[in-house]
PDB file of N, CA and C in Angstrom:
ATOM      1  N   UNK A   1       9.803  22.473  10.072  1.00  0.00           N
ATOM      2  CA  UNK A   1      10.175  21.463   9.118  1.00  0.00           C
ATOM      3  C   UNK A   1       9.764  21.921   7.721  1.00  0.00           C
ATOM      4  N   UNK A   2      10.623  21.750   6.759  1.00  0.00           N
ATOM      5  CA  UNK A   2      10.309  22.141   5.395  1.00  0.00           C
ATOM      6  C   UNK A   2       9.406  21.119   4.736  1.00  0.00           C
ATOM      7  N   UNK A   3       8.554  21.599   3.851  1.00  0.00           N
ATOM      8  CA  UNK A   3       7.646  20.687   3.161  1.00  0.00           C
ATOM      9  C   UNK A   3       8.363  19.899   2.070  1.00  0.00           C
ATOM     10  N   UNK A   4       9.596  20.266   1.739  1.00  0.00           N
ATOM     11  CA  UNK A   4      10.342  19.551   0.703  1.00  0.00           C
ATOM     12  C   UNK A   4      10.989  18.275   1.241  1.00  0.00           C
ATOM     13  N   UNK A   5      11.014  18.095   2.548  1.00  0.00           N
ATOM     14  CA  UNK A   5      11.578  16.880   3.113  1.00  0.00           C
ATOM     15  C   UNK A   5      10.677  15.697   2.795  1.00  0.00           C
ATOM     16  N   UNK A   6      11.302  14.558   2.510  1.00  0.00           N
ATOM     17  CA  UNK A   6      10.528  13.376   2.189  1.00  0.00           C
ATOM     18  C   UNK A   6      10.299  12.551   3.448  1.00  0.00           C
ATOM     19  N   UNK A   7       9.102  12.015   3.555  1.00  0.00           N
ATOM     20  CA  UNK A   7       8.727  11.218   4.700  1.00  0.00           C
ATOM     21  C   UNK A   7       9.227   9.787   4.501  1.00  0.00           C
ATOM     22  N   UNK A   8       9.934   9.266   5.503  1.00  0.00           N
ATOM     23  CA  UNK A   8      10.442   7.897   5.452  1.00  0.00           C
ATOM     24  C   UNK A   8       9.712   6.990   6.434  1.00  0.00           C
ATOM     25  N   UNK A   9       8.552   7.396   6.896  1.00  0.00           N
ATOM     26  CA  UNK A   9       7.808   6.651   7.895  1.00  0.00           C
ATOM     27  C   UNK A   9       6.962   5.568   7.223  1.00  0.00           C
ATOM     28  N   UNK A  10       7.478   4.360   7.200  1.00  0.00           N
ATOM     29  CA  UNK A  10       6.788   3.250   6.551  1.00  0.00           C
ATOM     30  C   UNK A  10       5.472   2.938   7.256  1.00  0.00           C
ATOM     31  N   UNK A  11       5.443   3.062   8.576  1.00  0.00           N
ATOM     32  CA  UNK A  11       4.206   2.788   9.309  1.00  0.00           C
ATOM     33  C   UNK A  11       3.108   3.769   8.919  1.00  0.00           C
ATOM     34  N   UNK A  12       3.451   5.031   8.761  1.00  0.00           N
ATOM     35  CA  UNK A  12       2.458   6.024   8.352  1.00  0.00           C
ATOM     36  C   UNK A  12       1.937   5.712   6.955  1.00  0.00           C
ATOM     37  N   UNK A  13       2.845   5.360   6.050  1.00  0.00           N
ATOM     38  CA  UNK A  13       2.435   5.047   4.687  1.00  0.00           C
ATOM     39  C   UNK A  13       1.469   3.875   4.678  1.00  0.00           C
ATOM     40  N   UNK A  14       1.770   2.833   5.420  1.00  0.00           N
ATOM     41  CA  UNK A  14       0.899   1.657   5.454  1.00  0.00           C
ATOM     42  C   UNK A  14      -0.444   1.966   6.113  1.00  0.00           C
ATOM     43  N   UNK A  15      -0.420   2.735   7.197  1.00  0.00           N
ATOM     44  CA  UNK A  15      -1.672   3.128   7.845  1.00  0.00           C
ATOM     45  C   UNK A  15      -2.510   3.996   6.909  1.00  0.00           C
ATOM     46  N   UNK A  16      -1.848   4.868   6.166  1.00  0.00           N
ATOM     47  CA  UNK A  16      -2.553   5.708   5.198  1.00  0.00           C
ATOM     48  C   UNK A  16      -3.193   4.848   4.112  1.00  0.00           C
ATOM     49  N   UNK A  17      -2.470   3.833   3.630  1.00  0.00           N
ATOM     50  CA  UNK A  17      -3.034   2.938   2.622  1.00  0.00           C
ATOM     51  C   UNK A  17      -4.289   2.230   3.134  1.00  0.00           C
ATOM     52  N   UNK A  18      -4.256   1.782   4.373  1.00  0.00           N
ATOM     53  CA  UNK A  18      -5.421   1.109   4.948  1.00  0.00           C
ATOM     54  C   UNK A  18      -6.627   2.043   4.911  1.00  0.00           C
ATOM     55  N   UNK A  19      -6.422   3.279   5.319  1.00  0.00           N
ATOM     56  CA  UNK A  19      -7.525   4.251   5.318  1.00  0.00           C
ATOM     57  C   UNK A  19      -7.975   4.598   3.904  1.00  0.00           C
ATOM     58  N   UNK A  20      -7.041   4.703   2.990  1.00  0.00           N
ATOM     59  CA  UNK A  20      -7.381   4.988   1.590  1.00  0.00           C
ATOM     60  C   UNK A  20      -8.246   3.865   1.027  1.00  0.00           C
ATOM     61  N   UNK A  21      -7.853   2.613   1.270  1.00  0.00           N
ATOM     62  CA  UNK A  21      -8.613   1.481   0.759  1.00  0.00           C
ATOM     63  C   UNK A  21      -9.982   1.369   1.423  1.00  0.00           C
ATOM     64  N   UNK A  22     -10.118   1.940   2.612  1.00  0.00           N
ATOM     65  CA  UNK A  22     -11.427   1.984   3.289  1.00  0.00           C
ATOM     66  C   UNK A  22     -12.294   3.115   2.751  1.00  0.00           C
ATOM     67  N   UNK A  23     -11.709   3.970   1.910  1.00  0.00           N
ATOM     68  CA  UNK A  23     -12.461   5.060   1.304  1.00  0.00           C
ATOM     69  C   UNK A  23     -12.351   6.384   2.036  1.00  0.00           C
ATOM     70  N   UNK A  24     -11.433   6.479   2.968  1.00  0.00           N
ATOM     71  CA  UNK A  24     -11.250   7.712   3.738  1.00  0.00           C
ATOM     72  C   UNK A  24     -10.182   8.598   3.108  1.00  0.00           C
ATOM     73  N   UNK A  25     -10.291   9.884   3.373  1.00  0.00           N
ATOM     74  CA  UNK A  25      -9.286  10.847   2.908  1.00  0.00           C
ATOM     75  C   UNK A  25      -8.172  10.913   3.951  1.00  0.00           C
ATOM     76  N   UNK A  26      -6.944  11.007   3.462  1.00  0.00           N
ATOM     77  CA  UNK A  26      -5.771  10.984   4.331  1.00  0.00           C
ATOM     78  C   UNK A  26      -4.785  12.036   3.854  1.00  0.00           C
ATOM     79  N   UNK A  27      -4.128  12.695   4.805  1.00  0.00           N
ATOM     80  CA  UNK A  27      -3.045  13.618   4.449  1.00  0.00           C
ATOM     81  C   UNK A  27      -1.868  12.792   3.951  1.00  0.00           C
ATOM     82  N   UNK A  28      -1.361  13.136   2.775  1.00  0.00           N
ATOM     83  CA  UNK A  28      -0.238  12.406   2.192  1.00  0.00           C
ATOM     84  C   UNK A  28       0.953  13.330   1.983  1.00  0.00           C
ATOM     85  N   UNK A  29       1.966  13.184   2.826  1.00  0.00           N
ATOM     86  CA  UNK A  29       3.189  13.952   2.585  1.00  0.00           C
ATOM     87  C   UNK A  29       3.944  13.340   1.402  1.00  0.00           C
ATOM     88  N   UNK A  30       5.008  13.977   0.986  1.00  0.00           N
ATOM     89  CA  UNK A  30       5.860  13.407  -0.056  1.00  0.00           C
ATOM     90  C   UNK A  30       6.690  12.297   0.592  1.00  0.00           C
ATOM     91  N   UNK A  31       6.474  11.071   0.129  1.00  0.00           N
ATOM     92  CA  UNK A  31       7.223   9.939   0.663  1.00  0.00           C
ATOM     93  C   UNK A  31       8.490   9.731  -0.149  1.00  0.00           C
ATOM     94  N   UNK A  32       9.461   9.082   0.473  1.00  0.00           N
ATOM     95  CA  UNK A  32      10.669   8.668  -0.228  1.00  0.00           C
ATOM     96  C   UNK A  32      10.230   7.717  -1.347  1.00  0.00           C
ATOM     97  N   UNK A  33      10.524   8.037  -2.610  1.00  0.00           N
ATOM     98  CA  UNK A  33      10.019   7.222  -3.732  1.00  0.00           C
ATOM     99  C   UNK A  33      10.444   5.759  -3.671  1.00  0.00           C
ATOM    100  N   UNK A  34      11.666   5.490  -3.252  1.00  0.00           N
ATOM    101  CA  UNK A  34      12.145   4.105  -3.177  1.00  0.00           C
ATOM    102  C   UNK A  34      11.371   3.322  -2.114  1.00  0.00           C
ATOM    103  N   UNK A  35      11.199   3.919  -0.929  1.00  0.00           N
ATOM    104  CA  UNK A  35      10.450   3.264   0.139  1.00  0.00           C
ATOM    105  C   UNK A  35       9.002   3.039  -0.292  1.00  0.00           C
ATOM    106  N   UNK A  36       8.423   4.046  -0.905  1.00  0.00           N
ATOM    107  CA  UNK A  36       7.031   3.975  -1.350  1.00  0.00           C
ATOM    108  C   UNK A  36       6.843   2.836  -2.355  1.00  0.00           C
ATOM    109  N   UNK A  37       7.722   2.755  -3.330  1.00  0.00           N
ATOM    110  CA  UNK A  37       7.647   1.712  -4.355  1.00  0.00           C
ATOM    111  C   UNK A  37       7.812   0.318  -3.732  1.00  0.00           C
ATOM    112  N   UNK A  38       8.778   0.175  -2.825  1.00  0.00           N
ATOM    113  CA  UNK A  38       9.017  -1.131  -2.200  1.00  0.00           C
ATOM    114  C   UNK A  38       7.843  -1.576  -1.331  1.00  0.00           C
ATOM    115  N   UNK A  39       7.281  -0.645  -0.548  1.00  0.00           N
ATOM    116  CA  UNK A  39       6.147  -1.010   0.297  1.00  0.00           C
ATOM    117  C   UNK A  39       4.908  -1.334  -0.535  1.00  0.00           C
ATOM    118  N   UNK A  40       4.674  -0.567  -1.582  1.00  0.00           N
ATOM    119  CA  UNK A  40       3.535  -0.871  -2.450  1.00  0.00           C
ATOM    120  C   UNK A  40       3.714  -2.232  -3.111  1.00  0.00           C
ATOM    121  N   UNK A  41       4.919  -2.536  -3.539  1.00  0.00           N
ATOM    122  CA  UNK A  41       5.193  -3.854  -4.133  1.00  0.00           C
ATOM    123  C   UNK A  41       4.898  -4.963  -3.126  1.00  0.00           C
ATOM    124  N   UNK A  42       5.313  -4.761  -1.872  1.00  0.00           N
ATOM    125  CA  UNK A  42       5.050  -5.753  -0.830  1.00  0.00           C
ATOM    126  C   UNK A  42       3.556  -5.908  -0.568  1.00  0.00           C
ATOM    127  N   UNK A  43       2.852  -4.788  -0.525  1.00  0.00           N
ATOM    128  CA  UNK A  43       1.403  -4.828  -0.296  1.00  0.00           C
ATOM    129  C   UNK A  43       0.712  -5.545  -1.449  1.00  0.00           C
ATOM    130  N   UNK A  44       1.055  -5.189  -2.679  1.00  0.00           N
ATOM    131  CA  UNK A  44       0.419  -5.827  -3.831  1.00  0.00           C
ATOM    132  C   UNK A  44       0.718  -7.327  -3.857  1.00  0.00           C
ATOM    133  N   UNK A  45       1.959  -7.688  -3.555  1.00  0.00           N
ATOM    134  CA  UNK A  45       2.337  -9.104  -3.566  1.00  0.00           C
ATOM    135  C   UNK A  45       1.552  -9.894  -2.526  1.00  0.00           C
ATOM    136  N   UNK A  46       1.378  -9.320  -1.351  1.00  0.00           N
ATOM    137  CA  UNK A  46       0.611  -9.989  -0.299  1.00  0.00           C
ATOM    138  C   UNK A  46      -0.877 -10.004  -0.637  1.00  0.00           C
ATOM    139  N   UNK A  47      -1.348  -8.989  -1.329  1.00  0.00           N
ATOM    140  CA  UNK A  47      -2.782  -8.863  -1.625  1.00  0.00           C
ATOM    141  C   UNK A  47      -3.292  -9.996  -2.515  1.00  0.00           C
ATOM    142  N   UNK A  48      -2.445 -10.527  -3.352  1.00  0.00           N
ATOM    143  CA  UNK A  48      -2.884 -11.611  -4.240  1.00  0.00           C
ATOM    144  C   UNK A  48      -3.459 -12.767  -3.423  1.00  0.00           C
ATOM    145  N   UNK A  49      -2.824 -13.094  -2.318  1.00  0.00           N
ATOM    146  CA  UNK A  49      -3.310 -14.231  -1.520  1.00  0.00           C
ATOM    147  C   UNK A  49      -4.598 -13.905  -0.765  1.00  0.00           C
ATOM    148  N   UNK A  50      -4.917 -12.633  -0.609  1.00  0.00           N
ATOM    149  CA  UNK A  50      -6.137 -12.253   0.101  1.00  0.00           C
ATOM    150  C   UNK A  50      -7.325 -12.027  -0.850  1.00  0.00           C
ATOM    151  N   UNK A  51      -7.071 -11.955  -2.139  1.00  0.00           N
ATOM    152  CA  UNK A  51      -8.146 -11.741  -3.106  1.00  0.00           C
ATOM    153  C   UNK A  51      -8.966 -13.024  -3.251  1.00  0.00           C
ATOM    154  N   UNK A  52     -10.266 -12.861  -3.395  1.00  0.00           N
ATOM    155  CA  UNK A  52     -11.152 -14.018  -3.487  1.00  0.00           C
ATOM    156  C   UNK A  52     -11.400 -14.467  -4.923  1.00  0.00           C
ATOM    157  N   UNK A  53     -11.294 -13.548  -5.881  1.00  0.00           N
ATOM    158  CA  UNK A  53     -11.665 -13.861  -7.260  1.00  0.00           C
ATOM    159  C   UNK A  53     -10.457 -13.788  -8.188  1.00  0.00           C
ATOM    160  N   UNK A  54     -10.495 -14.605  -9.238  1.00  0.00           N
ATOM    161  CA  UNK A  54      -9.408 -14.628 -10.215  1.00  0.00           C
ATOM    162  C   UNK A  54      -9.215 -13.260 -10.869  1.00  0.00           C
ATOM    163  N   UNK A  55     -10.306 -12.586 -11.188  1.00  0.00           N
ATOM    164  CA  UNK A  55     -10.214 -11.264 -11.821  1.00  0.00           C
ATOM    165  C   UNK A  55      -9.506 -10.269 -10.893  1.00  0.00           C
ATOM    166  N   UNK A  56      -9.758 -10.384  -9.608  1.00  0.00           N
ATOM    167  CA  UNK A  56      -9.093  -9.508  -8.630  1.00  0.00           C
ATOM    168  C   UNK A  56      -7.598  -9.792  -8.588  1.00  0.00           C
ATOM    169  N   UNK A  57      -7.250 -11.080  -8.604  1.00  0.00           N
ATOM    170  CA  UNK A  57      -5.824 -11.448  -8.601  1.00  0.00           C
ATOM    171  C   UNK A  57      -5.141 -10.955  -9.867  1.00  0.00           C
ATOM    172  N   UNK A  58      -5.848 -10.993 -10.982  1.00  0.00           N
ATOM    173  CA  UNK A  58      -5.289 -10.492 -12.243  1.00  0.00           C
ATOM    174  C   UNK A  58      -5.050  -8.986 -12.158  1.00  0.00           C
ATOM    175  N   UNK A  59      -6.003  -8.257 -11.611  1.00  0.00           N
ATOM    176  CA  UNK A  59      -5.865  -6.807 -11.453  1.00  0.00           C
ATOM    177  C   UNK A  59      -4.663  -6.475 -10.571  1.00  0.00           C
ATOM    178  N   UNK A  60      -4.537  -7.190  -9.472  1.00  0.00           N
ATOM    179  CA  UNK A  60      -3.424  -6.947  -8.542  1.00  0.00           C
ATOM    180  C   UNK A  60      -2.097  -7.329  -9.195  1.00  0.00           C
ATOM    181  N   UNK A  61      -2.094  -8.413  -9.953  1.00  0.00           N
ATOM    182  CA  UNK A  61      -0.889  -8.832 -10.662  1.00  0.00           C
ATOM    183  C   UNK A  61      -0.434  -7.762 -11.647  1.00  0.00           C
ATOM    184  N   UNK A  62      -1.382  -7.141 -12.330  1.00  0.00           N
ATOM    185  CA  UNK A  62      -1.050  -6.052 -13.248  1.00  0.00           C
ATOM    186  C   UNK A  62      -0.466  -4.853 -12.493  1.00  0.00           C
ATOM    187  N   UNK A  63      -0.957  -4.608 -11.285  1.00  0.00           N
ATOM    188  CA  UNK A  63      -0.395  -3.524 -10.482  1.00  0.00           C
ATOM    189  C   UNK A  63       1.037  -3.832 -10.048  1.00  0.00           C
ATOM    190  N   UNK A  64       1.311  -5.085  -9.741  1.00  0.00           N
ATOM    191  CA  UNK A  64       2.684  -5.484  -9.390  1.00  0.00           C
ATOM    192  C   UNK A  64       3.606  -5.227 -10.577  1.00  0.00           C
ATOM    193  N   UNK A  65       3.173  -5.656 -11.755  1.00  0.00           N
ATOM    194  CA  UNK A  65       3.978  -5.459 -12.958  1.00  0.00           C
ATOM    195  C   UNK A  65       4.265  -3.975 -13.183  1.00  0.00           C
ATOM    196  N   UNK A  66       3.227  -3.155 -13.082  1.00  0.00           N
ATOM    197  CA  UNK A  66       3.385  -1.712 -13.271  1.00  0.00           C
ATOM    198  C   UNK A  66       4.326  -1.132 -12.212  1.00  0.00           C
ATOM    199  N   UNK A  67       4.175  -1.586 -10.988  1.00  0.00           N
ATOM    200  CA  UNK A  67       5.016  -1.089  -9.900  1.00  0.00           C
ATOM    201  C   UNK A  67       6.487  -1.414 -10.166  1.00  0.00           C
ATOM    202  N   UNK A  68       6.755  -2.611 -10.649  1.00  0.00           N
ATOM    203  CA  UNK A  68       8.134  -3.023 -10.906  1.00  0.00           C
ATOM    204  C   UNK A  68       8.744  -2.310 -12.109  1.00  0.00           C
ATOM    205  N   UNK A  69       7.944  -2.055 -13.137  1.00  0.00           N
ATOM    206  CA  UNK A  69       8.493  -1.502 -14.372  1.00  0.00           C
ATOM    207  C   UNK A  69       8.348   0.003 -14.513  1.00  0.00           C
ATOM    208  N   UNK A  70       7.283   0.552 -13.979  1.00  0.00           N
ATOM    209  CA  UNK A  70       7.033   1.981 -14.140  1.00  0.00           C
ATOM    210  C   UNK A  70       7.033   2.734 -12.815  1.00  0.00           C
ATOM    211  N   UNK A  71       6.912   1.995 -11.725  1.00  0.00           N
ATOM    212  CA  UNK A  71       6.799   2.625 -10.421  1.00  0.00           C
ATOM    213  C   UNK A  71       5.339   2.777 -10.029  1.00  0.00           C
ATOM    214  N   UNK A  72       5.125   3.067  -8.772  1.00  0.00           N
ATOM    215  CA  UNK A  72       3.769   3.260  -8.250  1.00  0.00           C
ATOM    216  C   UNK A  72       3.857   4.236  -7.086  1.00  0.00           C
ATOM    217  N   UNK A  73       2.761   4.947  -6.852  1.00  0.00           N
ATOM    218  CA  UNK A  73       2.716   5.895  -5.741  1.00  0.00           C
ATOM    219  C   UNK A  73       1.421   5.718  -4.962  1.00  0.00           C
ATOM    220  N   UNK A  74       1.453   6.196  -3.744  1.00  0.00           N
ATOM    221  CA  UNK A  74       0.255   6.163  -2.903  1.00  0.00           C
ATOM    222  C   UNK A  74      -0.815   7.077  -3.499  1.00  0.00           C
ATOM    223  N   UNK A  75      -0.404   8.179  -4.074  1.00  0.00           N
ATOM    224  CA  UNK A  75      -1.366   9.100  -4.688  1.00  0.00           C
ATOM    225  C   UNK A  75      -2.111   8.434  -5.847  1.00  0.00           C
ATOM    226  N   UNK A  76      -1.443   7.559  -6.581  1.00  0.00           N
ATOM    227  CA  UNK A  76      -2.124   6.800  -7.632  1.00  0.00           C
ATOM    228  C   UNK A  76      -3.163   5.859  -7.026  1.00  0.00           C
ATOM    229  N   UNK A  77      -2.836   5.320  -5.849  1.00  0.00           N
ATOM    230  CA  UNK A  77      -3.779   4.426  -5.181  1.00  0.00           C
ATOM    231  C   UNK A  77      -5.066   5.160  -4.815  1.00  0.00           C
ATOM    232  N   UNK A  78      -4.941   6.429  -4.432  1.00  0.00           N
ATOM    233  CA  UNK A  78      -6.118   7.240  -4.111  1.00  0.00           C
ATOM    234  C   UNK A  78      -7.037   7.320  -5.330  1.00  0.00           C
ATOM    235  N   UNK A  79      -6.459   7.505  -6.493  1.00  0.00           N
ATOM    236  CA  UNK A  79      -7.243   7.603  -7.728  1.00  0.00           C
ATOM    237  C   UNK A  79      -7.876   6.264  -8.108  1.00  0.00           C
ATOM    238  N   UNK A  80      -7.170   5.168  -7.847  1.00  0.00           N
ATOM    239  CA  UNK A  80      -7.669   3.846  -8.225  1.00  0.00           C
ATOM    240  C   UNK A  80      -8.828   3.372  -7.354  1.00  0.00           C
ATOM    241  N   UNK A  81      -8.968   3.922  -6.169  1.00  0.00           N
ATOM    242  CA  UNK A  81     -10.023   3.489  -5.249  1.00  0.00           C
ATOM    243  C   UNK A  81     -11.395   3.600  -5.908  1.00  0.00           C
ATOM    244  N   UNK A  82     -11.589   4.611  -6.721  1.00  0.00           N
ATOM    245  CA  UNK A  82     -12.877   4.826  -7.373  1.00  0.00           C
ATOM    246  C   UNK A  82     -13.168   3.770  -8.441  1.00  0.00           C
ATOM    247  N   UNK A  83     -12.131   3.171  -8.995  1.00  0.00           N
ATOM    248  CA  UNK A  83     -12.283   2.253 -10.123  1.00  0.00           C
ATOM    249  C   UNK A  83     -12.268   0.778  -9.735  1.00  0.00           C
ATOM    250  N   UNK A  84     -11.674   0.450  -8.602  1.00  0.00           N
ATOM    251  CA  UNK A  84     -11.440  -0.951  -8.287  1.00  0.00           C
ATOM    252  C   UNK A  84     -12.589  -1.577  -7.506  1.00  0.00           C
ATOM    253  N   UNK A  85     -12.690  -2.885  -7.640  1.00  0.00           N
ATOM    254  CA  UNK A  85     -13.780  -3.623  -7.003  1.00  0.00           C
ATOM    255  C   UNK A  85     -13.556  -3.727  -5.497  1.00  0.00           C
ATOM    256  N   UNK A  86     -14.624  -3.967  -4.756  1.00  0.00           N
ATOM    257  CA  UNK A  86     -14.471  -4.155  -3.309  1.00  0.00           C
ATOM    258  C   UNK A  86     -13.519  -5.295  -2.952  1.00  0.00           C
ATOM    259  N   UNK A  87     -13.504  -6.359  -3.754  1.00  0.00           N
ATOM    260  CA  UNK A  87     -12.598  -7.475  -3.462  1.00  0.00           C
ATOM    261  C   UNK A  87     -11.134  -7.056  -3.578  1.00  0.00           C
ATOM    262  N   UNK A  88     -10.807  -6.289  -4.610  1.00  0.00           N
ATOM    263  CA  UNK A  88      -9.430  -5.811  -4.790  1.00  0.00           C
ATOM    264  C   UNK A  88      -9.060  -4.874  -3.637  1.00  0.00           C
ATOM    265  N   UNK A  89      -9.943  -3.949  -3.314  1.00  0.00           N
ATOM    266  CA  UNK A  89      -9.663  -2.995  -2.232  1.00  0.00           C
ATOM    267  C   UNK A  89      -9.521  -3.704  -0.896  1.00  0.00           C
ATOM    268  N   UNK A  90     -10.390  -4.675  -0.638  1.00  0.00           N
ATOM    269  CA  UNK A  90     -10.306  -5.412   0.614  1.00  0.00           C
ATOM    270  C   UNK A  90      -8.999  -6.203   0.692  1.00  0.00           C
ATOM    271  N   UNK A  91      -8.628  -6.842  -0.411  1.00  0.00           N
ATOM    272  CA  UNK A  91      -7.382  -7.622  -0.429  1.00  0.00           C
ATOM    273  C   UNK A  91      -6.177  -6.722  -0.167  1.00  0.00           C
ATOM    274  N   UNK A  92      -6.163  -5.535  -0.783  1.00  0.00           N
ATOM    275  CA  UNK A  92      -5.035  -4.621  -0.581  1.00  0.00           C
ATOM    276  C   UNK A  92      -5.047  -4.034   0.826  1.00  0.00           C
ATOM    277  N   UNK A  93      -6.234  -3.795   1.386  1.00  0.00           N
ATOM    278  CA  UNK A  93      -6.320  -3.264   2.748  1.00  0.00           C
ATOM    279  C   UNK A  93      -5.800  -4.297   3.758  1.00  0.00           C
ATOM    280  N   UNK A  94      -6.234  -5.542   3.612  1.00  0.00           N
ATOM    281  CA  UNK A  94      -5.773  -6.595   4.513  1.00  0.00           C
ATOM    282  C   UNK A  94      -4.268  -6.805   4.340  1.00  0.00           C
ATOM    283  N   UNK A  95      -3.790  -6.738   3.112  1.00  0.00           N
ATOM    284  CA  UNK A  95      -2.356  -6.900   2.853  1.00  0.00           C
ATOM    285  C   UNK A  95      -1.554  -5.774   3.488  1.00  0.00           C
ATOM    286  N   UNK A  96      -2.044  -4.541   3.414  1.00  0.00           N
ATOM    287  CA  UNK A  96      -1.345  -3.412   4.038  1.00  0.00           C
ATOM    288  C   UNK A  96      -1.283  -3.604   5.548  1.00  0.00           C
ATOM    289  N   UNK A  97      -2.377  -4.084   6.138  1.00  0.00           N
ATOM    290  CA  UNK A  97      -2.386  -4.358   7.579  1.00  0.00           C
ATOM    291  C   UNK A  97      -1.411  -5.483   7.920  1.00  0.00           C
ATOM    292  N   UNK A  98      -1.353  -6.483   7.061  1.00  0.00           N
ATOM    293  CA  UNK A  98      -0.430  -7.608   7.258  1.00  0.00           C
ATOM    294  C   UNK A  98       1.029  -7.136   7.214  1.00  0.00           C
ATOM    295  N   UNK A  99       1.364  -6.328   6.212  1.00  0.00           N
ATOM    296  CA  UNK A  99       2.732  -5.806   6.088  1.00  0.00           C
ATOM    297  C   UNK A  99       3.055  -4.898   7.282  1.00  0.00           C
ATOM    298  N   UNK A 100       2.087  -4.105   7.724  1.00  0.00           N
ATOM    299  CA  UNK A 100       2.289  -3.245   8.895  1.00  0.00           C
ATOM    300  C   UNK A 100       2.583  -4.083  10.124  1.00  0.00           C
ATOM    301  N   UNK A 101       1.861  -5.176  10.299  1.00  0.00           N
ATOM    302  CA  UNK A 101       2.098  -6.054  11.441  1.00  0.00           C
ATOM    303  C   UNK A 101       3.478  -6.698  11.348  1.00  0.00           C
ATOM    304  N   UNK A 102       3.847  -7.150  10.158  1.00  0.00           N
ATOM    305  CA  UNK A 102       5.180  -7.744   9.981  1.00  0.00           C
ATOM    306  C   UNK A 102       6.270  -6.723  10.279  1.00  0.00           C
ATOM    307  N   UNK A 103       6.068  -5.506   9.836  1.00  0.00           N
ATOM    308  CA  UNK A 103       7.031  -4.434  10.077  1.00  0.00           C
ATOM    309  C   UNK A 103       7.150  -4.158  11.569  1.00  0.00           C
ATOM    310  N   UNK A 104       6.024  -4.152  12.248  1.00  0.00           N
ATOM    311  CA  UNK A 104       6.003  -3.877  13.685  1.00  0.00           C
ATOM    312  C   UNK A 104       6.615  -5.031  14.478  1.00  0.00           C
ATOM    313  N   UNK A 105       6.409  -6.280  14.016  1.00  0.00           N
ATOM    314  CA  UNK A 105       6.952  -7.434  14.713  1.00  0.00           C
ATOM    315  C   UNK A 105       8.464  -7.533  14.629  1.00  0.00           C
ATOM    316  N   UNK A 106       9.062  -6.872  13.633  1.00  0.00           N
ATOM    317  CA  UNK A 106      10.509  -6.955  13.485  1.00  0.00           C
ATOM    318  C   UNK A 106      11.257  -6.040  14.440  1.00  0.00           C
ATOM    319  N   UNK A 107      10.532  -5.161  15.093  1.00  0.00           N
ATOM    320  CA  UNK A 107      11.168  -4.261  16.052  1.00  0.00           C
ATOM    321  C   UNK A 107      11.374  -4.990  17.372  1.00  0.00           C
ATOM    322  N   UNK A 108      12.521  -4.800  17.945  1.00  0.00           N
ATOM    323  CA  UNK A 108      12.815  -5.434  19.232  1.00  0.00           C
ATOM    324  C   UNK A 108      12.172  -4.598  20.322  1.00  0.00           C
ATOM    325  N   UNK A 109      11.450  -5.276  21.197  1.00  0.00           N
ATOM    326  CA  UNK A 109      10.773  -4.576  22.291  1.00  0.00           C
ATOM    327  C   UNK A 109      11.253  -5.138  23.615  1.00  0.00           C
ATOM    328  N   UNK A 110      11.588  -4.256  24.519  1.00  0.00           N
ATOM    329  CA  UNK A 110      11.979  -4.653  25.860  1.00  0.00           C
ATOM    330  C   UNK A 110      10.940  -4.133  26.822  1.00  0.00           C
ATOM    331  N   UNK A 111      10.349  -5.015  27.575  1.00  0.00           N
ATOM    332  CA  UNK A 111       9.325  -4.604  28.543  1.00  0.00           C
ATOM    333  C   UNK A 111       9.794  -4.876  29.937  1.00  0.00           C
TER     334      UNK A 111
END
């Protein structure tokens, strides 16, 4: 497989975000930019409801705005981990897990 191919695995991206927000290092392939932007927007939007403090919600709201107008990447999230508060990171981690569960629930399963 060539390294120039873009990864379209939304589950991997969300699982990687969870680990990133936990402070772990993760291998990050080049993701499809549109998928990456949409999933990050969904995670940030969900994270607002999981944040405990107004300042955290404001920080996340600013990330949503930036994501919509300038774009956002998972690699940027790696850099932000060092700067953001535990409440913001926890809210985004729980939101990523929530979006992952919603994504998984939409798949039809036959047992």
